[in-house]
Amino acid sequence: MAEDLKHLLIETNQEYRELASKHRSLDSRLHELLTKHYLSDAEQFEEVSIKKRKLQCKDRMESILRQHCATGSARSLSA
């Protein structure tokens, strides 16, 4: 059910869709960095920065998901 809701939000909520896209692109860049045998100082800094930004995206996406669930529950109770 959670995956269905995530797909629904991607289709219907612009902010969620943009966050999901940003999260995927950050994940892709992080994967590129992690496949290297050695990271320069700048790349190590970028790795940490990407992880923080990914977490911020994920936190906001979860917040939107919880908000949607709470709103949906309130609608169900009033019906």
Protein backbone atom coordinates (compact mmCIF):
# COMPACT_ATOMS: atom_id res chain seq x y z
CA MET A 1 0.00 0.00 0.00
CA ALA A 2 2.83 2.42 0.81
CA GLU A 3 4.35 1.88 -2.64
CA ASP A 4 0.96 2.51 -4.26
CA LEU A 5 0.64 5.74 -2.31
CA LYS A 6 4.14 6.81 -3.33
CA HIS A 7 3.27 6.21 -6.99
CA LEU A 8 0.03 8.15 -6.56
CA LEU A 9 1.91 11.08 -5.02
CA ILE A 10 4.46 11.03 -7.83
CA GLU A 11 1.57 11.34 -10.29
CA THR A 12 -0.47 13.92 -8.38
CA ASN A 13 1.87 15.98 -6.17
CA GLN A 14 4.38 18.19 -7.95
CA GLU A 15 6.60 18.75 -4.91
CA TYR A 16 6.76 15.01 -4.17
CA ARG A 17 7.53 14.27 -7.83
CA GLU A 18 10.36 16.84 -7.89
CA LEU A 19 11.79 15.51 -4.61
CA ALA A 20 11.67 11.92 -5.90
CA SER A 21 13.46 12.97 -9.09
CA LYS A 22 16.10 14.89 -7.14
CA HIS A 23 16.58 11.93 -4.78
CA ARG A 24 17.13 9.60 -7.77
CA SER A 25 19.68 11.94 -9.38
CA LEU A 26 21.57 12.34 -6.09
CA ASP A 27 21.53 8.57 -5.63
CA SER A 28 22.94 8.10 -9.11
CA ARG A 29 25.79 10.56 -8.47
CA LEU A 30 26.51 8.96 -5.10
CA HIS A 31 26.72 5.56 -6.79
CA GLU A 32 29.24 7.01 -9.27
CA LEU A 33 31.38 8.27 -6.42
CA LEU A 34 31.18 5.03 -4.46
CA THR A 35 32.41 2.97 -7.41
CA LYS A 36 35.71 4.86 -7.39
CA HIS A 37 38.64 3.32 -5.56
CA TYR A 38 39.88 6.68 -4.34
CA LEU A 39 38.05 9.93 -3.71
CA SER A 40 39.77 13.29 -3.77
CA ASP A 41 39.10 15.71 -0.93
CA ALA A 42 36.52 17.51 -3.08
CA GLU A 43 34.81 14.21 -3.93
CA GLN A 44 34.74 13.19 -0.27
CA PHE A 45 33.11 16.51 0.56
CA GLU A 46 30.63 15.99 -2.30
CA GLU A 47 29.81 12.50 -1.01
CA VAL A 48 28.93 13.84 2.44
CA SER A 49 26.97 16.71 0.92
CA ILE A 50 25.00 14.36 -1.34
CA LYS A 51 24.13 12.08 1.56
CA LYS A 52 22.80 15.04 3.54
CA ARG A 53 20.78 16.34 0.60
CA LYS A 54 19.36 12.88 -0.09
CA LEU A 55 18.29 12.63 3.54
CA GLN A 56 16.63 16.05 3.37
CA CYS A 57 14.70 14.97 0.27
CA LYS A 58 13.69 11.70 1.88
CA ASP A 59 12.57 13.44 5.09
CA ARG A 60 10.40 15.89 3.15
CA MET A 61 8.94 13.08 1.03
CA GLU A 62 8.05 11.16 4.19
CA SER A 63 6.48 14.30 5.64
CA ILE A 64 4.30 14.70 2.53
CA LEU A 65 3.38 11.01 2.71
CA ARG A 66 2.36 11.26 6.39
CA GLN A 67 0.42 14.45 5.70
CA HIS A 68 -1.41 12.76 2.84
CA CYS A 69 -2.21 9.73 5.03
CA ALA A 70 -3.51 11.95 7.85
CA THR A 71 -5.67 13.93 5.44
CA GLY A 72 -6.95 10.72 3.84
CA SER A 73 -7.76 9.24 7.26
CA ALA A 74 -9.63 12.38 8.26
CA ARG A 75 -11.66 12.18 5.02
CA SER A 76 -12.46 8.52 5.68
CA LEU A 77 -13.68 9.29 9.20
CA SER A 78 -15.93 12.13 8.07
CA ALA A 79 -17.52 10.08 5.28
